[in-house]
Amino acid sequence: MYGKRLLIPVGILIFAALACSAVPALPKIPEAVPVIRKDGECTDPRFKAAELAAYQALVKARADIANKLTNAITELEQTYQDDLNKQRDDYQTTLNACKDDHCTLGAKEDYDRFVGIAKGVHDGSLSNLEAKEAKAINRVQSVYDDAVENAREQFCSPGYQASGQTADSTYSGVICSLDQPFKVTVTNAFADYTLEFTPASASQGAFSFTWSAQSVTAAGSGKYTIEGYDTAAPRIAVTADSTGTMPKGTISKGGTVYIDLVPLTTGPCKKS
């Protein structure tokens, strides 16, 4: 018994291979491309609102794209598995009807050919779905990018040139952002000095200054607001209490002055 070859019909071997073959696993759905958000560099509340609306629309569109891809892949895999199962059943029926190895091997060749073609169609279809998803993601990202860029151009100034005059004092300076500390230079017959502004928001805050010339010193502080913030001609309304000291005594006074702001289109604050 041990010296004899054990002959097993080809059909039985193929049947055993089919019975033990694993069903192809479902492919992993591709990991989503990260959402690119561009909400920095500008704190204007109108820009923030417009960007948020565009971002929410982008997130919803991305979710829709992901759901469509998931559904399409699920349908593709179900069709693929159904086709394989049917072909396997047909193959088994053919094997059962075969009377010799020639028939059995021919059926195996037909089955293998079908499986190879089906896998090629399946893999190609999966690649097409992934390519369509990538194209859809780029499209909705572009819609978001355009909306944000339009809002940025509409609501976010690249900076301001301070100007104007009160009595014999003139104002100058470049202000790149109204929600970051900035300075304005005051020039008059006595001295050049600097107003230092500390914003509480993009539309208001506090300021202070000191200066000295010859035997005179002065200091002051107060509050300011940005008037006409959403117009083409905004200005700073500066309300101050100041004290000047000179050889003949001390003088205190208060009041409001206005510094004009001219929006810049080019210059050191312009972002490329």
Protein backbone atom coordinates (compact mmCIF):
# COMPACT_ATOMS: atom_id res chain seq x y z
CA MET A 1 0.00 0.00 0.00
CA TYR A 2 2.74 2.42 0.93
CA GLY A 3 4.64 1.71 -2.26
CA LYS A 4 1.77 2.59 -4.58
CA ARG A 5 0.93 6.09 -5.91
CA LEU A 6 -2.39 7.43 -4.76
CA LEU A 7 -4.25 8.69 -7.86
CA ILE A 8 -6.92 11.35 -7.20
CA PRO A 9 -9.09 12.56 -10.11
CA VAL A 10 -8.39 16.11 -11.27
CA GLY A 11 -12.03 17.08 -10.70
CA ILE A 12 -11.83 16.20 -7.00
CA LEU A 13 -8.65 18.26 -6.59
CA ILE A 14 -10.25 21.28 -8.26
CA PHE A 15 -13.40 20.86 -6.18
CA ALA A 16 -11.32 20.81 -3.00
CA ALA A 17 -9.44 23.92 -4.10
CA LEU A 18 -12.68 25.74 -4.79
CA ALA A 19 -14.16 24.73 -1.45
CA CYS A 20 -11.09 26.02 0.41
CA SER A 21 -10.59 29.22 -1.56
CA ALA A 22 -11.28 32.37 0.41
CA VAL A 23 -13.77 34.94 -0.78
CA PRO A 24 -11.84 38.10 -1.85
CA ALA A 25 -11.92 40.70 0.92
CA LEU A 26 -13.60 44.05 0.38
CA PRO A 27 -11.03 46.76 -0.40
CA LYS A 28 -10.51 49.53 2.11
CA ILE A 29 -12.24 52.74 1.18
CA PRO A 30 -9.47 55.26 0.43
CA GLU A 31 -8.65 57.59 3.28
CA ALA A 32 -10.14 61.02 2.67
CA VAL A 33 -7.95 63.91 1.56
CA PRO A 34 -7.79 66.45 4.43
CA VAL A 35 -10.01 69.53 4.16
CA ILE A 36 -7.83 72.61 3.59
CA ARG A 37 -9.15 75.60 5.53
CA LYS A 38 -7.90 79.14 4.90
CA ASP A 39 -9.35 81.22 7.72
CA GLY A 40 -6.21 83.00 8.94
CA GLU A 41 -4.67 86.47 8.61
CA CYS A 42 -7.95 88.40 8.80
CA THR A 43 -10.17 89.00 11.82
CA ASP A 44 -12.87 91.09 10.18
CA PRO A 45 -16.15 89.56 11.44
CA ARG A 46 -17.68 89.75 7.97
CA PHE A 47 -14.79 87.73 6.56
CA LYS A 48 -15.06 85.25 9.42
CA ALA A 49 -18.78 84.77 8.77
CA ALA A 50 -18.28 84.33 5.02
CA GLU A 51 -15.40 81.88 5.51
CA LEU A 52 -17.36 79.84 8.05
CA ALA A 53 -20.34 79.56 5.68
CA ALA A 54 -18.02 78.45 2.86
CA TYR A 55 -16.29 75.97 5.16
CA GLN A 56 -19.58 74.45 6.32
CA ALA A 57 -20.64 74.05 2.68
CA LEU A 58 -17.27 72.42 1.93
CA VAL A 59 -17.60 69.95 4.80
CA LYS A 60 -21.12 69.00 3.67
CA ALA A 61 -19.97 68.58 0.06
CA ARG A 62 -17.06 66.40 1.20
CA ALA A 63 -19.42 64.24 3.27
CA ASP A 64 -21.68 63.81 0.23
CA ILE A 65 -18.68 62.80 -1.90
CA ALA A 66 -17.53 60.28 0.72
CA ASN A 67 -21.03 58.77 0.99
CA LYS A 68 -21.29 58.43 -2.77
CA LEU A 69 -17.91 56.71 -2.93
CA THR A 70 -18.85 54.31 -0.13
CA ASN A 71 -22.13 53.42 -1.82
CA ALA A 72 -20.49 53.00 -5.21
CA ILE A 73 -17.76 50.73 -3.82
CA THR A 74 -20.32 48.67 -1.90
CA GLU A 75 -22.36 48.20 -5.09
CA LEU A 76 -19.25 47.38 -7.11
CA GLU A 77 -18.10 44.76 -4.60
CA GLN A 78 -21.56 43.19 -4.39
CA THR A 79 -21.73 42.87 -8.18
CA TYR A 80 -18.21 41.45 -8.28
CA GLN A 81 -18.98 38.87 -5.60
CA ASP A 82 -22.29 37.91 -7.22
CA ASP A 83 -20.54 37.37 -10.57
CA LEU A 84 -17.82 35.25 -8.94
CA ASN A 85 -20.35 33.17 -7.05
CA LYS A 86 -22.45 32.55 -10.16
CA GLN A 87 -19.39 31.61 -12.18
CA ARG A 88 -18.25 29.30 -9.39
CA ASP A 89 -21.64 27.59 -9.35
CA ASP A 90 -21.62 27.23 -13.15
CA TYR A 91 -18.10 25.86 -12.98
CA GLN A 92 -19.10 23.30 -10.37
CA THR A 93 -22.04 22.24 -12.52
CA THR A 94 -19.69 21.76 -15.45
CA LEU A 95 -17.28 19.75 -13.32
CA ASN A 96 -20.07 17.48 -12.18
CA ALA A 97 -20.99 16.81 -15.81
CA CYS A 98 -17.43 16.16 -16.99
CA LYS A 99 -16.53 12.53 -17.79
CA ASP A 100 -12.78 12.92 -18.20
CA ASP A 101 -9.80 15.05 -17.21
CA HIS A 102 -9.75 16.84 -20.56
CA CYS A 103 -13.23 18.27 -19.86
CA THR A 104 -12.27 19.11 -16.29
CA LEU A 105 -9.10 20.97 -17.26
CA GLY A 106 -10.94 22.87 -20.01
CA ALA A 107 -13.56 24.00 -17.51
CA LYS A 108 -10.81 25.10 -15.14
CA GLU A 109 -9.17 27.16 -17.87
CA ASP A 110 -12.50 28.85 -18.66
CA TYR A 111 -13.11 29.59 -15.00
CA ASP A 112 -9.63 31.02 -14.46
CA ARG A 113 -10.02 33.19 -17.56
CA PHE A 114 -13.32 34.55 -16.27
CA VAL A 115 -11.86 35.27 -12.82
CA GLY A 116 -8.93 37.12 -14.37
CA ILE A 117 -11.16 39.26 -16.59
CA ALA A 118 -13.59 39.96 -13.74
CA LYS A 119 -10.76 41.06 -11.46
CA GLY A 120 -9.39 43.38 -14.15
CA VAL A 121 -12.80 44.98 -14.65
CA HIS A 122 -13.27 45.25 -10.89
CA ASP A 123 -9.89 46.85 -10.25
CA GLY A 124 -10.31 49.25 -13.16
CA SER A 125 -13.75 50.28 -11.92
CA LEU A 126 -12.38 50.87 -8.42
CA SER A 127 -9.61 53.08 -9.80
CA ASN A 128 -12.16 55.06 -11.80
CA LEU A 129 -14.26 55.63 -8.68
CA GLU A 130 -11.22 56.87 -6.76
CA ALA A 131 -10.26 59.19 -9.63
CA LYS A 132 -13.80 60.61 -9.74
CA GLU A 133 -13.69 61.18 -5.99
CA ALA A 134 -10.36 63.04 -6.25
CA LYS A 135 -11.75 65.21 -9.05
CA ALA A 136 -14.89 65.99 -7.03
CA ILE A 137 -12.79 66.88 -3.97
CA ASN A 138 -10.66 69.27 -6.02
CA ARG A 139 -13.80 70.86 -7.45
CA VAL A 140 -15.49 71.56 -4.08
CA GLN A 141 -12.17 72.72 -2.58
CA SER A 142 -11.84 75.21 -5.45
CA VAL A 143 -15.35 76.51 -4.77
CA TYR A 144 -14.36 77.09 -1.13
CA ASP A 145 -11.03 78.69 -2.08
CA ASP A 146 -12.73 81.11 -4.48
CA ALA A 147 -15.37 82.08 -1.90
CA VAL A 148 -12.73 82.74 0.76
CA GLU A 149 -10.53 84.73 -1.61
CA ASN A 150 -13.49 86.89 -2.64
CA ALA A 151 -14.37 87.51 1.01
CA ARG A 152 -10.77 88.33 1.81
CA GLU A 153 -10.56 90.86 -1.01
CA GLN A 154 -13.90 92.38 -0.01
CA PHE A 155 -13.48 92.58 3.77
CA CYS A 156 -9.79 92.35 4.63
CA SER A 157 -7.73 95.43 3.95
CA PRO A 158 -4.01 94.86 3.35
CA GLY A 159 -3.42 97.82 5.68
CA TYR A 160 -3.96 101.55 6.07
CA GLN A 161 -2.01 104.76 5.69
CA ALA A 162 -2.65 107.07 8.64
CA SER A 163 -3.09 110.72 7.65
CA GLY A 164 -4.89 113.91 8.57
CA GLN A 165 -4.27 116.98 10.65
CA THR A 166 -5.49 118.63 13.85
CA ALA A 167 -4.42 122.28 14.21
CA ASP A 168 -0.66 122.20 13.53
CA SER A 169 -0.28 118.44 14.26
CA THR A 170 -0.17 116.03 11.34
CA TYR A 171 -0.50 112.23 11.46
CA SER A 172 1.40 109.59 9.54
CA GLY A 173 2.23 105.90 9.66
CA VAL A 174 1.38 102.52 8.15
CA ILE A 175 -1.07 100.28 10.00
CA CYS A 176 -1.02 96.69 8.76
CA SER A 177 -3.76 95.40 11.05
CA LEU A 178 -6.31 97.11 13.26
CA ASP A 179 -6.52 94.14 15.60
CA GLN A 180 -2.77 94.15 16.37
CA PRO A 181 -0.83 96.87 18.25
CA PHE A 182 0.06 99.76 15.95
CA LYS A 183 1.61 103.22 16.05
CA VAL A 184 0.87 106.61 14.52
CA THR A 185 3.45 109.39 14.35
CA VAL A 186 2.41 112.93 15.31
CA THR A 187 4.44 115.84 13.94
CA ASN A 188 4.08 119.44 15.07
CA ALA A 189 6.18 122.52 15.73
CA PHE A 190 7.26 121.30 19.17
CA ALA A 191 8.20 117.65 18.59
CA ASP A 192 7.63 114.40 16.79
CA TYR A 193 6.11 111.71 19.01
CA THR A 194 4.27 108.42 18.74
CA LEU A 195 0.76 107.39 19.65
CA GLU A 196 0.80 103.75 20.69
CA PHE A 197 -2.47 101.88 20.16
CA THR A 198 -3.45 98.63 21.90
CA PRO A 199 -6.58 97.11 20.31
CA ALA A 200 -9.25 95.36 22.36
CA SER A 201 -10.77 94.37 19.02
CA ALA A 202 -10.48 95.46 15.41
CA SER A 203 -12.77 98.44 16.12
CA GLN A 204 -11.69 99.82 19.52
CA GLY A 205 -9.02 99.88 22.17
CA ALA A 206 -6.74 102.07 24.26
CA PHE A 207 -3.77 104.30 23.45
CA SER A 208 -1.05 106.30 25.17
CA PHE A 209 1.79 108.68 24.35
CA THR A 210 4.66 110.59 25.89
CA TRP A 211 6.95 113.25 24.49
CA SER A 212 9.43 115.85 25.55
CA ALA A 213 11.07 118.80 23.87
CA GLN A 214 13.42 121.25 25.48
CA SER A 215 11.90 121.92 28.95
CA VAL A 216 8.40 120.67 28.12
CA THR A 217 7.09 117.12 28.70
CA ALA A 218 3.68 115.71 27.98
CA ALA A 219 1.87 112.41 28.46
CA GLY A 220 -1.60 111.18 27.81
CA SER A 221 -3.83 108.18 27.38
CA GLY A 222 -7.38 107.30 26.52
CA LYS A 223 -9.69 105.25 24.36
CA TYR A 224 -10.22 105.09 20.64
CA THR A 225 -12.77 103.67 18.22
CA ILE A 226 -12.66 102.99 14.49
CA GLU A 227 -15.45 104.91 12.79
CA GLY A 228 -16.70 103.95 9.35
CA TYR A 229 -14.99 100.57 9.66
CA ASP A 230 -16.96 99.11 6.76
CA THR A 231 -16.69 102.16 4.50
CA ALA A 232 -14.07 103.39 2.05
CA ALA A 233 -13.09 106.23 4.43
CA PRO A 234 -12.60 104.89 7.97
CA ARG A 235 -10.99 106.98 10.67
CA ILE A 236 -9.72 106.68 14.23
CA ALA A 237 -11.61 108.72 16.82
CA VAL A 238 -9.09 109.33 19.63
CA THR A 239 -10.38 110.60 22.97
CA ALA A 240 -7.56 111.57 25.30
CA ASP A 241 -6.74 113.06 28.64
CA SER A 242 -3.27 114.62 28.55
CA THR A 243 -0.99 116.51 30.91
CA GLY A 244 1.82 118.87 29.91
CA THR A 245 4.55 119.99 32.27
CA MET A 246 6.63 123.12 31.69
CA PRO A 247 8.65 125.58 33.80
CA LYS A 248 5.60 127.76 34.41
CA GLY A 249 3.39 124.90 35.61
CA THR A 250 1.22 122.01 34.51
CA ILE A 251 -1.62 122.02 32.02
CA SER A 252 -4.23 119.27 31.70
CA LYS A 253 -6.81 118.96 28.96
CA GLY A 254 -8.88 116.43 27.07
CA GLY A 255 -10.72 116.08 23.83
CA THR A 256 -11.22 114.05 20.69
CA VAL A 257 -9.18 114.16 17.50
CA TYR A 258 -9.56 112.18 14.28
CA ILE A 259 -6.97 110.30 12.27
CA ASP A 260 -7.91 109.38 8.72
CA LEU A 261 -7.23 105.87 7.42
CA VAL A 262 -6.57 105.36 3.72
CA PRO A 263 -6.80 101.66 2.68
CA LEU A 264 -3.62 100.41 1.00
CA THR A 265 -3.58 98.34 -2.16
CA THR A 266 0.18 97.83 -2.29
CA GLY A 267 3.07 98.25 0.05
CA PRO A 268 4.64 96.55 3.07
CA CYS A 269 1.38 95.07 4.36
CA LYS A 270 0.20 93.58 1.05
CA LYS A 271 0.24 89.76 1.19
CA SER A 272 1.00 87.88 -1.99
